[in-house]
Amino acid sequence: MHKAGFVNIVGNPNVGKSTLMNLLVGEKISIATFKAQTTRHRIMGIINTDDMQICLSDTPGVLKPNYKLQESMLHFSESALADADVLLYVTDMVETPDKNEEFLAQVASMKVPVLVLINKIDLSNQAQLTQTVETWHKALPQAEIIPISALHRFNVDRVLKRIKELLPESPAYFGKDQWTDKPARFFVTEIIREKILLYYDKEIPYSVEVVVESFKESEKNIHINAVIYVERESQKGIIIGHQGVALKRVSTEARRSLEKFFGKSIYLEVFVKVDKDWRSSDRALKAFGYNLD
């Protein structure tokens, strides 16, 4: 008997979805920073064993869109409700079910198993946890509730065990040597974007998109040319920094992470260009790979 299925991770921004995804898969697939809206795409990580294939999807945090990029991000999150065999709804000890009632109503109407994972329980006490579990049980009575701490790996193995029990019988959807549905170039853009999220303040990281213009791989090394797109000339100056210092730091840190990720020497060239108001442009979003349907 072989089991396989799509296990989709959804929830509001900054509750720890990407950290959980990386723990379950055992690879750094989703960038995880302390800033909200880090994940922009739906990213799949695949766990393979002889008798099982778990296709995990990390999704953007659910929010009410303010511009077209966020509309695309919400589309990725809602699509994860449509094809899930098991749904992981991640919340934490701070937020309450009324934060995004419209999306939660969609979760409540689902016919597949739903696991509500209450993350960051290390920041609470037993009385608070008991109250939070009761609150979520009222909001999603059909769901199974598991308290976790992704940061401290508490109960993550229990979540994985429960997923395996709930998976339907099915042949594998992907080759058993495949661990993601994304190409190598995608992870280059995500790693560079992660460094930008870490090193720049305020609106800058959210105004940035990264595109890989060339990716040439040999046996021992990879040559990469990437472009950081911003919406304003002033943002371009901030990204580059005085005498190019800021951009050099991002490039250096990204190269180190890329060498670790690919296990090869990396030659990375990064340029900065302006694409005015790209987050609200159908043309730009389509070119950058965002789904606008």
C-alpha atoms as a PDB file:
ATOM      1  CA  MET A   1       0.000   0.000   0.000  1.00  0.00           C
ATOM      2  CA  HIS A   2       1.380   3.405  -1.053  1.00  0.00           C
ATOM      3  CA  LYS A   3       0.134   6.719   0.346  1.00  0.00           C
ATOM      4  CA  ALA A   4       0.469  10.136  -1.270  1.00  0.00           C
ATOM      5  CA  GLY A   5      -1.219  13.490  -0.978  1.00  0.00           C
ATOM      6  CA  PHE A   6      -1.083  17.254  -0.850  1.00  0.00           C
ATOM      7  CA  VAL A   7      -0.617  18.725   2.626  1.00  0.00           C
ATOM      8  CA  ASN A   8      -1.076  22.474   2.446  1.00  0.00           C
ATOM      9  CA  ILE A   9       0.023  24.994   5.083  1.00  0.00           C
ATOM     10  CA  VAL A  10      -2.106  28.132   5.442  1.00  0.00           C
ATOM     11  CA  GLY A  11      -2.583  30.895   8.012  1.00  0.00           C
ATOM     12  CA  ASN A  12      -2.115  34.589   8.656  1.00  0.00           C
ATOM     13  CA  PRO A  13       1.244  36.347   8.159  1.00  0.00           C
ATOM     14  CA  ASN A  14       4.122  35.767  10.570  1.00  0.00           C
ATOM     15  CA  VAL A  15       2.757  32.775  12.510  1.00  0.00           C
ATOM     16  CA  GLY A  16       5.654  30.461  11.560  1.00  0.00           C
ATOM     17  CA  LYS A  17       4.392  28.645   8.450  1.00  0.00           C
ATOM     18  CA  SER A  18       7.726  28.718   6.605  1.00  0.00           C
ATOM     19  CA  THR A  19       9.707  27.640   9.681  1.00  0.00           C
ATOM     20  CA  LEU A  20       7.356  24.667  10.105  1.00  0.00           C
ATOM     21  CA  MET A  21       7.592  23.798   6.399  1.00  0.00           C
ATOM     22  CA  ASN A  22      11.392  23.707   6.540  1.00  0.00           C
ATOM     23  CA  LEU A  23      11.357  21.535   9.675  1.00  0.00           C
ATOM     24  CA  LEU A  24       8.957  19.020   8.152  1.00  0.00           C
ATOM     25  CA  VAL A  25      10.832  18.767   4.846  1.00  0.00           C
ATOM     26  CA  GLY A  26      14.299  18.927   6.403  1.00  0.00           C
ATOM     27  CA  GLU A  27      15.497  21.437   3.797  1.00  0.00           C
ATOM     28  CA  LYS A  28      15.525  25.219   3.748  1.00  0.00           C
ATOM     29  CA  ILE A  29      12.906  25.592   1.046  1.00  0.00           C
ATOM     30  CA  SER A  30      10.890  28.588   2.277  1.00  0.00           C
ATOM     31  CA  ILE A  31      12.606  31.761   3.387  1.00  0.00           C
ATOM     32  CA  ALA A  32      11.678  32.484   6.981  1.00  0.00           C
ATOM     33  CA  THR A  33      12.380  35.870   8.530  1.00  0.00           C
ATOM     34  CA  PHE A  34      10.822  37.798  11.400  1.00  0.00           C
ATOM     35  CA  LYS A  35       9.031  40.058   8.898  1.00  0.00           C
ATOM     36  CA  ALA A  36       5.464  39.452   7.740  1.00  0.00           C
ATOM     37  CA  GLN A  37       4.662  38.690   4.088  1.00  0.00           C
ATOM     38  CA  THR A  38       7.989  36.949   3.532  1.00  0.00           C
ATOM     39  CA  THR A  39       6.461  34.194   1.377  1.00  0.00           C
ATOM     40  CA  ARG A  40       4.983  35.435  -1.902  1.00  0.00           C
ATOM     41  CA  HIS A  41       4.501  32.193  -3.832  1.00  0.00           C
ATOM     42  CA  ARG A  42       3.113  28.770  -3.111  1.00  0.00           C
ATOM     43  CA  ILE A  43       6.211  26.637  -2.554  1.00  0.00           C
ATOM     44  CA  MET A  44       6.203  22.845  -2.532  1.00  0.00           C
ATOM     45  CA  GLY A  45       8.548  20.562  -0.615  1.00  0.00           C
ATOM     46  CA  ILE A  46       8.283  16.817  -1.164  1.00  0.00           C
ATOM     47  CA  ILE A  47       8.979  14.143   1.461  1.00  0.00           C
ATOM     48  CA  ASN A  48       9.615  10.700  -0.049  1.00  0.00           C
ATOM     49  CA  THR A  49       9.789   7.254   1.554  1.00  0.00           C
ATOM     50  CA  ASP A  50       9.380   3.812  -0.015  1.00  0.00           C
ATOM     51  CA  ASP A  51       5.672   3.681   0.758  1.00  0.00           C
ATOM     52  CA  MET A  52       4.769   7.378   0.956  1.00  0.00           C
ATOM     53  CA  GLN A  53       4.998  10.787  -0.725  1.00  0.00           C
ATOM     54  CA  ILE A  54       3.969  13.918   1.186  1.00  0.00           C
ATOM     55  CA  CYS A  55       3.651  17.004  -1.045  1.00  0.00           C
ATOM     56  CA  LEU A  56       3.851  19.931   1.395  1.00  0.00           C
ATOM     57  CA  SER A  57       2.959  23.452   0.264  1.00  0.00           C
ATOM     58  CA  ASP A  58       3.896  26.659   2.051  1.00  0.00           C
ATOM     59  CA  THR A  59       1.678  29.626   1.131  1.00  0.00           C
ATOM     60  CA  PRO A  60       1.709  33.405   1.629  1.00  0.00           C
ATOM     61  CA  GLY A  61       0.106  34.748   4.795  1.00  0.00           C
ATOM     62  CA  VAL A  62      -3.590  35.497   4.328  1.00  0.00           C
ATOM     63  CA  LEU A  63      -4.343  39.221   4.218  1.00  0.00           C
ATOM     64  CA  LYS A  64      -6.741  41.674   2.646  1.00  0.00           C
ATOM     65  CA  PRO A  65      -5.000  42.858  -0.551  1.00  0.00           C
ATOM     66  CA  ASN A  66      -3.886  46.478  -0.901  1.00  0.00           C
ATOM     67  CA  TYR A  67      -2.295  46.087  -4.342  1.00  0.00           C
ATOM     68  CA  LYS A  68      -2.135  43.547  -7.163  1.00  0.00           C
ATOM     69  CA  LEU A  69       0.856  41.617  -5.808  1.00  0.00           C
ATOM     70  CA  GLN A  70      -1.112  40.905  -2.626  1.00  0.00           C
ATOM     71  CA  GLU A  71      -4.110  39.802  -4.726  1.00  0.00           C
ATOM     72  CA  SER A  72      -1.841  37.196  -6.325  1.00  0.00           C
ATOM     73  CA  MET A  73      -0.544  36.135  -2.902  1.00  0.00           C
ATOM     74  CA  LEU A  74      -4.117  35.645  -1.637  1.00  0.00           C
ATOM     75  CA  HIS A  75      -4.883  33.586  -4.749  1.00  0.00           C
ATOM     76  CA  PHE A  76      -1.992  31.221  -3.857  1.00  0.00           C
ATOM     77  CA  SER A  77      -3.381  30.820  -0.318  1.00  0.00           C
ATOM     78  CA  GLU A  78      -6.951  30.164  -1.490  1.00  0.00           C
ATOM     79  CA  SER A  79      -5.765  27.673  -4.121  1.00  0.00           C
ATOM     80  CA  ALA A  80      -4.228  25.659  -1.278  1.00  0.00           C
ATOM     81  CA  LEU A  81      -7.740  25.098   0.101  1.00  0.00           C
ATOM     82  CA  ALA A  82      -8.952  23.694  -3.215  1.00  0.00           C
ATOM     83  CA  ASP A  83      -6.529  20.786  -3.666  1.00  0.00           C
ATOM     84  CA  ALA A  84      -5.546  19.797  -0.095  1.00  0.00           C
ATOM     85  CA  ASP A  85      -5.807  16.211   1.112  1.00  0.00           C
ATOM     86  CA  VAL A  86      -4.820  17.442   4.576  1.00  0.00           C
ATOM     87  CA  LEU A  87      -4.848  21.107   5.624  1.00  0.00           C
ATOM     88  CA  LEU A  88      -2.497  22.549   8.251  1.00  0.00           C
ATOM     89  CA  TYR A  89      -3.919  25.812   9.604  1.00  0.00           C
ATOM     90  CA  VAL A  90      -1.103  27.505  11.527  1.00  0.00           C
ATOM     91  CA  THR A  91      -1.899  30.102  14.173  1.00  0.00           C
ATOM     92  CA  ASP A  92      -0.067  31.225  17.314  1.00  0.00           C
ATOM     93  CA  MET A  93      -0.648  32.203  20.938  1.00  0.00           C
ATOM     94  CA  VAL A  94      -1.326  35.866  20.102  1.00  0.00           C
ATOM     95  CA  GLU A  95      -3.847  35.916  17.282  1.00  0.00           C
ATOM     96  CA  THR A  96      -7.548  35.092  17.613  1.00  0.00           C
ATOM     97  CA  PRO A  97      -9.963  33.417  15.164  1.00  0.00           C
ATOM     98  CA  ASP A  98     -11.642  36.728  14.313  1.00  0.00           C
ATOM     99  CA  LYS A  99      -8.469  38.070  12.656  1.00  0.00           C
ATOM    100  CA  ASN A 100      -9.525  36.792   9.226  1.00  0.00           C
ATOM    101  CA  GLU A 101     -13.057  35.447   9.530  1.00  0.00           C
ATOM    102  CA  GLU A 102     -13.738  35.212   5.797  1.00  0.00           C
ATOM    103  CA  PHE A 103     -10.800  32.882   5.166  1.00  0.00           C
ATOM    104  CA  LEU A 104     -11.523  30.902   8.328  1.00  0.00           C
ATOM    105  CA  ALA A 105     -15.088  30.295   7.129  1.00  0.00           C
ATOM    106  CA  GLN A 106     -13.630  28.661   4.009  1.00  0.00           C
ATOM    107  CA  VAL A 107     -11.451  26.446   6.222  1.00  0.00           C
ATOM    108  CA  ALA A 108     -14.467  25.523   8.378  1.00  0.00           C
ATOM    109  CA  SER A 109     -16.401  24.310   5.323  1.00  0.00           C
ATOM    110  CA  MET A 110     -13.646  21.949   4.125  1.00  0.00           C
ATOM    111  CA  LYS A 111     -14.355  18.230   3.892  1.00  0.00           C
ATOM    112  CA  VAL A 112     -10.718  17.087   4.282  1.00  0.00           C
ATOM    113  CA  PRO A 113      -8.905  16.666   7.638  1.00  0.00           C
ATOM    114  CA  VAL A 114      -7.821  19.993   9.163  1.00  0.00           C
ATOM    115  CA  LEU A 115      -5.059  20.232  11.774  1.00  0.00           C
ATOM    116  CA  VAL A 116      -4.955  23.520  13.681  1.00  0.00           C
ATOM    117  CA  LEU A 117      -1.368  24.004  14.811  1.00  0.00           C
ATOM    118  CA  ILE A 118      -1.044  26.540  17.638  1.00  0.00           C
ATOM    119  CA  ASN A 119       2.552  27.710  17.286  1.00  0.00           C
ATOM    120  CA  LYS A 120       4.831  29.614  19.687  1.00  0.00           C
ATOM    121  CA  ILE A 121       3.467  27.886  22.794  1.00  0.00           C
ATOM    122  CA  ASP A 122       6.882  28.480  24.393  1.00  0.00           C
ATOM    123  CA  LEU A 123       5.707  32.101  24.845  1.00  0.00           C
ATOM    124  CA  SER A 124       2.756  31.114  27.053  1.00  0.00           C
ATOM    125  CA  ASN A 125       1.743  29.182  30.161  1.00  0.00           C
ATOM    126  CA  GLN A 126      -0.587  26.216  30.601  1.00  0.00           C
ATOM    127  CA  ALA A 127      -3.647  28.307  31.508  1.00  0.00           C
ATOM    128  CA  GLN A 128      -3.230  30.510  28.422  1.00  0.00           C
ATOM    129  CA  LEU A 129      -2.739  27.450  26.215  1.00  0.00           C
ATOM    130  CA  THR A 130      -5.870  25.756  27.585  1.00  0.00           C
ATOM    131  CA  GLN A 131      -7.902  28.904  26.863  1.00  0.00           C
ATOM    132  CA  THR A 132      -6.448  29.228  23.346  1.00  0.00           C
ATOM    133  CA  VAL A 133      -7.210  25.578  22.535  1.00  0.00           C
ATOM    134  CA  GLU A 134     -10.825  26.062  23.682  1.00  0.00           C
ATOM    135  CA  THR A 135     -11.173  29.223  21.564  1.00  0.00           C
ATOM    136  CA  TRP A 136      -9.950  27.464  18.423  1.00  0.00           C
ATOM    137  CA  HIS A 137     -12.065  24.399  19.137  1.00  0.00           C
ATOM    138  CA  LYS A 138     -15.157  26.619  19.108  1.00  0.00           C
ATOM    139  CA  ALA A 139     -14.056  28.332  15.887  1.00  0.00           C
ATOM    140  CA  LEU A 140     -13.192  25.077  14.043  1.00  0.00           C
ATOM    141  CA  PRO A 141     -15.013  22.257  15.869  1.00  0.00           C
ATOM    142  CA  GLN A 142     -14.225  19.652  13.198  1.00  0.00           C
ATOM    143  CA  ALA A 143     -10.464  20.312  13.356  1.00  0.00           C
ATOM    144  CA  GLU A 144      -7.822  18.488  15.364  1.00  0.00           C
ATOM    145  CA  ILE A 145      -5.751  20.876  17.483  1.00  0.00           C
ATOM    146  CA  ILE A 146      -2.031  20.332  18.124  1.00  0.00           C
ATOM    147  CA  PRO A 147       0.042  22.839  20.152  1.00  0.00           C
ATOM    148  CA  ILE A 148       3.570  23.210  18.736  1.00  0.00           C
ATOM    149  CA  SER A 149       6.738  25.275  18.961  1.00  0.00           C
ATOM    150  CA  ALA A 150       8.397  25.314  15.538  1.00  0.00           C
ATOM    151  CA  LEU A 151      11.321  27.265  16.996  1.00  0.00           C
ATOM    152  CA  HIS A 152      12.035  24.527  19.561  1.00  0.00           C
ATOM    153  CA  ARG A 153      10.812  21.648  17.324  1.00  0.00           C
ATOM    154  CA  PHE A 154       8.241  20.723  19.974  1.00  0.00           C
ATOM    155  CA  ASN A 155       5.513  18.375  18.650  1.00  0.00           C
ATOM    156  CA  VAL A 156       6.714  18.715  15.025  1.00  0.00           C
ATOM    157  CA  ASP A 157       7.290  14.937  14.889  1.00  0.00           C
ATOM    158  CA  ARG A 158       3.763  14.410  16.184  1.00  0.00           C
ATOM    159  CA  VAL A 159       2.413  16.577  13.347  1.00  0.00           C
ATOM    160  CA  LEU A 160       4.368  14.550  10.785  1.00  0.00           C
ATOM    161  CA  LYS A 161       3.109  11.278  12.287  1.00  0.00           C
ATOM    162  CA  ARG A 162      -0.497  12.510  12.115  1.00  0.00           C
ATOM    163  CA  ILE A 163      -0.055  13.616   8.482  1.00  0.00           C
ATOM    164  CA  LYS A 164       1.168  10.132   7.572  1.00  0.00           C
ATOM    165  CA  GLU A 165      -1.885   8.578   9.229  1.00  0.00           C
ATOM    166  CA  LEU A 166      -4.294  10.897   7.374  1.00  0.00           C
ATOM    167  CA  LEU A 167      -2.788  10.605   3.881  1.00  0.00           C
ATOM    168  CA  PRO A 168      -4.962   8.817   1.313  1.00  0.00           C
ATOM    169  CA  GLU A 169      -3.844   5.727  -0.587  1.00  0.00           C
ATOM    170  CA  SER A 170      -2.392   6.883  -3.884  1.00  0.00           C
ATOM    171  CA  PRO A 171       0.568   6.399  -6.208  1.00  0.00           C
ATOM    172  CA  ALA A 172       3.284   9.081  -6.068  1.00  0.00           C
ATOM    173  CA  TYR A 173       2.553  12.352  -7.864  1.00  0.00           C
ATOM    174  CA  PHE A 174       6.225  13.172  -8.490  1.00  0.00           C
ATOM    175  CA  GLY A 175       9.437  11.231  -9.050  1.00  0.00           C
ATOM    176  CA  LYS A 176      10.835   9.807  -5.815  1.00  0.00           C
ATOM    177  CA  ASP A 177      14.104  11.729  -6.272  1.00  0.00           C
ATOM    178  CA  GLN A 178      12.283  15.080  -6.486  1.00  0.00           C
ATOM    179  CA  TRP A 179      12.140  17.302  -3.388  1.00  0.00           C
ATOM    180  CA  THR A 180      10.415  20.417  -4.761  1.00  0.00           C
ATOM    181  CA  ASP A 181       8.357  21.566  -7.741  1.00  0.00           C
ATOM    182  CA  LYS A 182      10.438  24.749  -8.147  1.00  0.00           C
ATOM    183  CA  PRO A 183      13.457  25.177 -10.479  1.00  0.00           C
ATOM    184  CA  ALA A 184      16.932  26.113  -9.210  1.00  0.00           C
ATOM    185  CA  ARG A 185      16.525  29.733 -10.355  1.00  0.00           C
ATOM    186  CA  PHE A 186      13.560  30.160  -8.005  1.00  0.00           C
ATOM    187  CA  PHE A 187      15.702  29.399  -4.951  1.00  0.00           C
ATOM    188  CA  VAL A 188      18.334  31.890  -6.108  1.00  0.00           C
ATOM    189  CA  THR A 189      15.701  34.656  -6.173  1.00  0.00           C
ATOM    190  CA  GLU A 190      14.321  33.605  -2.769  1.00  0.00           C
ATOM    191  CA  ILE A 191      17.744  33.543  -1.110  1.00  0.00           C
ATOM    192  CA  ILE A 192      18.663  36.998  -2.433  1.00  0.00           C
ATOM    193  CA  ARG A 193      15.240  38.311  -1.359  1.00  0.00           C
ATOM    194  CA  GLU A 194      15.746  36.816   2.099  1.00  0.00           C
ATOM    195  CA  LYS A 195      18.952  38.837   2.552  1.00  0.00           C
ATOM    196  CA  ILE A 196      17.119  42.003   1.476  1.00  0.00           C
ATOM    197  CA  LEU A 197      14.394  41.287   4.032  1.00  0.00           C
ATOM    198  CA  LEU A 198      17.042  40.895   6.728  1.00  0.00           C
ATOM    199  CA  TYR A 199      19.185  43.928   5.911  1.00  0.00           C
ATOM    200  CA  TYR A 200      16.773  46.687   4.872  1.00  0.00           C
ATOM    201  CA  ASP A 201      14.061  48.435   6.881  1.00  0.00           C
ATOM    202  CA  LYS A 202      10.474  49.530   6.425  1.00  0.00           C
ATOM    203  CA  GLU A 203       8.961  49.357   2.953  1.00  0.00           C
ATOM    204  CA  ILE A 204      12.131  48.568   0.978  1.00  0.00           C
ATOM    205  CA  PRO A 205      11.959  44.723   1.153  1.00  0.00           C
ATOM    206  CA  TYR A 206       8.310  44.735   0.029  1.00  0.00           C
ATOM    207  CA  SER A 207       9.090  46.935  -2.984  1.00  0.00           C
ATOM    208  CA  VAL A 208      11.701  44.493  -4.273  1.00  0.00           C
ATOM    209  CA  GLU A 209      11.540  41.634  -6.768  1.00  0.00           C
ATOM    210  CA  VAL A 210      14.532  39.523  -7.846  1.00  0.00           C
ATOM    211  CA  VAL A 211      14.965  38.020 -11.313  1.00  0.00           C
ATOM    212  CA  VAL A 212      17.719  35.609 -12.380  1.00  0.00           C
ATOM    213  CA  GLU A 213      18.837  36.612 -15.869  1.00  0.00           C
ATOM    214  CA  SER A 214      21.417  33.851 -16.311  1.00  0.00           C
ATOM    215  CA  PHE A 215      22.212  30.616 -14.471  1.00  0.00           C
ATOM    216  CA  LYS A 216      25.135  28.657 -15.908  1.00  0.00           C
ATOM    217  CA  GLU A 217      26.066  25.512 -14.044  1.00  0.00           C
ATOM    218  CA  SER A 218      29.181  23.389 -14.474  1.00  0.00           C
ATOM    219  CA  GLU A 219      30.418  20.419 -12.463  1.00  0.00           C
ATOM    220  CA  LYS A 220      32.098  22.545  -9.784  1.00  0.00           C
ATOM    221  CA  ASN A 221      30.530  25.982  -9.924  1.00  0.00           C
ATOM    222  CA  ILE A 222      27.551  28.103 -10.944  1.00  0.00           C
ATOM    223  CA  HIS A 223      27.673  31.544 -12.575  1.00  0.00           C
ATOM    224  CA  ILE A 224      24.608  33.641 -11.756  1.00  0.00           C
ATOM    225  CA  ASN A 225      23.507  37.080 -12.957  1.00  0.00           C
ATOM    226  CA  ALA A 226      20.565  38.510 -11.007  1.00  0.00           C
ATOM    227  CA  VAL A 227      18.630  41.784 -11.100  1.00  0.00           C
ATOM    228  CA  ILE A 228      16.961  43.398  -8.095  1.00  0.00           C
ATOM    229  CA  TYR A 229      13.950  45.401  -9.287  1.00  0.00           C
ATOM    230  CA  VAL A 230      12.614  48.302  -7.187  1.00  0.00           C
ATOM    231  CA  GLU A 231       9.744  50.742  -7.754  1.00  0.00           C
ATOM    232  CA  ARG A 232      11.596  54.057  -7.293  1.00  0.00           C
ATOM    233  CA  GLU A 233      14.976  55.643  -8.051  1.00  0.00           C
ATOM    234  CA  SER A 234      15.276  56.535  -4.352  1.00  0.00           C
ATOM    235  CA  GLN A 235      14.880  52.828  -3.451  1.00  0.00           C
ATOM    236  CA  LYS A 236      17.620  51.936  -5.929  1.00  0.00           C
ATOM    237  CA  GLY A 237      19.975  54.261  -4.056  1.00  0.00           C
ATOM    238  CA  ILE A 238      19.101  52.662  -0.727  1.00  0.00           C
ATOM    239  CA  ILE A 239      19.616  49.119  -2.059  1.00  0.00           C
ATOM    240  CA  ILE A 240      23.030  50.020  -3.494  1.00  0.00           C
ATOM    241  CA  GLY A 241      24.076  52.112  -0.481  1.00  0.00           C
ATOM    242  CA  HIS A 242      27.008  54.503  -0.108  1.00  0.00           C
ATOM    243  CA  GLN A 243      29.784  53.415  -2.503  1.00  0.00           C
ATOM    244  CA  GLY A 244      27.889  50.169  -3.119  1.00  0.00           C
ATOM    245  CA  VAL A 245      28.461  48.852   0.424  1.00  0.00           C
ATOM    246  CA  ALA A 246      24.865  47.717   1.085  1.00  0.00           C
ATOM    247  CA  LEU A 247      24.536  45.824  -2.205  1.00  0.00           C
ATOM    248  CA  LYS A 248      27.928  44.201  -1.677  1.00  0.00           C
ATOM    249  CA  ARG A 249      26.851  42.917   1.732  1.00  0.00           C
ATOM    250  CA  VAL A 250      23.639  41.429   0.312  1.00  0.00           C
ATOM    251  CA  SER A 251      25.572  39.822  -2.558  1.00  0.00           C
ATOM    252  CA  THR A 252      28.205  38.342  -0.235  1.00  0.00           C
ATOM    253  CA  GLU A 253      25.653  36.885   2.199  1.00  0.00           C
ATOM    254  CA  ALA A 254      23.526  35.556  -0.664  1.00  0.00           C
ATOM    255  CA  ARG A 255      26.561  33.916  -2.280  1.00  0.00           C
ATOM    256  CA  ARG A 256      27.442  32.143   0.987  1.00  0.00           C
ATOM    257  CA  SER A 257      23.889  30.829   1.380  1.00  0.00           C
ATOM    258  CA  LEU A 258      23.756  29.769  -2.266  1.00  0.00           C
ATOM    259  CA  GLU A 259      27.026  27.837  -1.923  1.00  0.00           C
ATOM    260  CA  LYS A 260      25.561  26.017   1.054  1.00  0.00           C
ATOM    261  CA  PHE A 261      22.272  25.387  -0.777  1.00  0.00           C
ATOM    262  CA  PHE A 262      23.807  24.081  -4.036  1.00  0.00           C
ATOM    263  CA  GLY A 263      27.030  22.616  -2.631  1.00  0.00           C
ATOM    264  CA  LYS A 264      29.121  24.376  -5.301  1.00  0.00           C
ATOM    265  CA  SER A 265      31.210  27.518  -5.745  1.00  0.00           C
ATOM    266  CA  ILE A 266      28.992  30.434  -6.745  1.00  0.00           C
ATOM    267  CA  TYR A 267      29.937  33.438  -8.886  1.00  0.00           C
ATOM    268  CA  LEU A 268      27.180  35.982  -8.297  1.00  0.00           C
ATOM    269  CA  GLU A 269      26.684  39.324 -10.021  1.00  0.00           C
ATOM    270  CA  VAL A 270      23.779  41.474  -8.842  1.00  0.00           C
ATOM    271  CA  PHE A 271      22.423  44.622 -10.522  1.00  0.00           C
ATOM    272  CA  VAL A 272      19.641  46.997  -9.454  1.00  0.00           C
ATOM    273  CA  LYS A 273      16.990  48.357 -11.862  1.00  0.00           C
ATOM    274  CA  VAL A 274      13.813  50.422 -11.501  1.00  0.00           C
ATOM    275  CA  ASP A 275      10.465  49.074 -12.750  1.00  0.00           C
ATOM    276  CA  LYS A 276       8.036  51.799 -11.667  1.00  0.00           C
ATOM    277  CA  ASP A 277       5.122  50.583  -9.493  1.00  0.00           C
ATOM    278  CA  TRP A 278       5.683  46.948 -10.506  1.00  0.00           C
ATOM    279  CA  ARG A 279       3.554  45.637  -7.592  1.00  0.00           C
ATOM    280  CA  SER A 280       0.437  47.124  -9.239  1.00  0.00           C
ATOM    281  CA  SER A 281       1.361  46.338 -12.842  1.00  0.00           C
ATOM    282  CA  ASP A 282      -0.259  43.340 -14.577  1.00  0.00           C
ATOM    283  CA  ARG A 283       2.607  43.274 -17.071  1.00  0.00           C
ATOM    284  CA  ALA A 284       5.349  43.223 -14.444  1.00  0.00           C
ATOM    285  CA  LEU A 285       3.592  40.727 -12.150  1.00  0.00           C
ATOM    286  CA  LYS A 286       3.015  38.328 -15.035  1.00  0.00           C
ATOM    287  CA  ALA A 287       6.668  38.645 -16.064  1.00  0.00           C
ATOM    288  CA  PHE A 288       7.728  37.942 -12.469  1.00  0.00           C
ATOM    289  CA  GLY A 289       5.655  34.744 -12.337  1.00  0.00           C
ATOM    290  CA  TYR A 290       2.666  35.809 -10.253  1.00  0.00           C
ATOM    291  CA  ASN A 291      -0.710  34.257 -11.001  1.00  0.00           C
ATOM    292  CA  LEU A 292      -3.299  36.901 -11.820  1.00  0.00           C
ATOM    293  CA  ASP A 293      -6.196  34.647 -12.832  1.00  0.00           C
END
